[in-house]
Protein backbone atom coordinates (compact mmCIF):
# COMPACT_ATOMS: atom_id res chain seq x y z
CA MET A 1 -125.20 126.96 -305.86
CA ALA A 2 -127.86 124.83 -307.55
CA ALA A 3 -125.19 122.91 -309.44
CA ARG A 4 -123.34 122.21 -306.19
CA ALA A 5 -126.55 121.00 -304.53
CA ALA A 6 -127.29 118.71 -307.49
CA LEU A 7 -123.77 117.30 -307.33
CA ASN A 8 -124.08 116.67 -303.59
CA THR A 9 -127.42 114.93 -304.16
CA TRP A 10 -125.84 112.69 -306.78
CA LEU A 11 -122.92 111.87 -304.48
CA GLY A 12 -125.37 110.93 -301.73
CA LYS A 13 -127.32 108.67 -304.10
CA LEU A 14 -124.07 107.16 -305.35
CA ASP A 15 -123.04 106.41 -301.76
CA THR A 16 -126.38 104.72 -301.13
CA TYR A 17 -125.91 102.67 -304.30
CA ALA A 18 -122.43 101.58 -303.20
CA LYS A 19 -123.73 100.54 -299.77
CA GLU A 20 -126.57 98.55 -301.34
CA LEU A 21 -124.09 96.78 -303.64
CA TYR A 22 -121.95 95.85 -300.63
CA THR A 23 -125.03 94.56 -298.79
CA MET A 24 -126.06 92.49 -301.80
CA HIS A 25 -122.54 91.05 -302.00
CA SER A 26 -122.82 89.96 -298.34
CA VAL A 27 -126.27 88.49 -298.91
CA ILE A 28 -125.08 86.47 -301.91
CA GLN A 29 -122.19 85.00 -299.93
CA ASN A 30 -124.57 83.81 -297.20
CA LEU A 31 -127.43 82.49 -299.33
CA LYS A 32 -128.69 79.00 -298.70
CA PRO A 33 -131.22 76.95 -300.69
CA GLY A 34 -134.70 78.39 -300.33
CA MET A 35 -133.51 81.99 -299.91
CA GLU A 36 -134.14 83.05 -303.51
CA LEU A 37 -136.66 85.69 -302.44
CA LEU A 38 -134.03 87.40 -300.29
CA HIS A 39 -131.71 87.52 -303.28
CA ALA A 40 -134.45 88.93 -305.53
CA VAL A 41 -135.37 91.64 -303.02
CA SER A 42 -131.72 92.58 -302.54
CA ALA A 43 -131.15 92.80 -306.30
CA ASN A 44 -134.26 94.98 -306.71
CA ILE A 45 -133.07 97.36 -304.00
CA VAL A 46 -129.74 97.72 -305.81
CA LYS A 47 -131.57 98.33 -309.10
CA ASP A 48 -133.68 101.05 -307.50
CA SER A 49 -130.59 102.68 -305.97
CA ALA A 50 -128.85 102.64 -309.36
CA GLU A 51 -131.85 104.27 -311.02
CA GLU A 52 -132.01 106.97 -308.33
CA ALA A 53 -128.29 107.65 -308.72
CA GLY A 54 -128.74 107.86 -312.49
CA ALA A 55 -131.60 110.35 -312.19
CA ALA A 56 -129.55 112.47 -309.79
CA ALA A 57 -126.57 112.32 -312.17
CA LYS A 58 -128.74 113.60 -315.00
CA LYS A 59 -129.97 116.51 -312.86
CA ALA A 60 -126.34 117.33 -312.04
CA GLY A 61 -125.47 117.41 -315.74
CA LEU A 62 -123.49 114.15 -315.70
CA HIS A 63 -125.05 112.56 -318.75
CA SER A 64 -122.84 109.49 -319.15
CA CYS A 65 -123.39 108.62 -315.47
CA ALA A 66 -127.14 108.85 -316.02
CA HIS A 67 -127.12 105.80 -318.33
CA VAL A 68 -127.44 103.27 -315.48
CA LYS A 69 -128.38 100.43 -317.83
CA ARG A 70 -124.75 100.47 -318.98
CA TRP A 71 -123.28 100.33 -315.47
CA GLU A 72 -121.40 97.16 -314.72
CA TYR A 73 -121.40 95.45 -311.38
CA LEU A 74 -117.89 95.21 -309.98
CA VAL A 75 -116.95 92.49 -307.54
CA PRO A 76 -115.56 94.01 -304.31
CA ASP A 77 -112.05 93.02 -303.27
């Protein structure tokens, strides 16, 4: 049961990460000069979400998924 709970936690963190990436994609498309702070804050939120997902992956025993520094950002379709 603990393994299942850890997996569900990771999936929840992964979902949050995906949503934050989508939000950042929308922000980038609508940026105008002078909005650099918004971009920086958005990027930091995504970074934090990735780190949380990585920590949850490690707790679930998913070691390769825990190496978030190697994750690549994919451009949504």
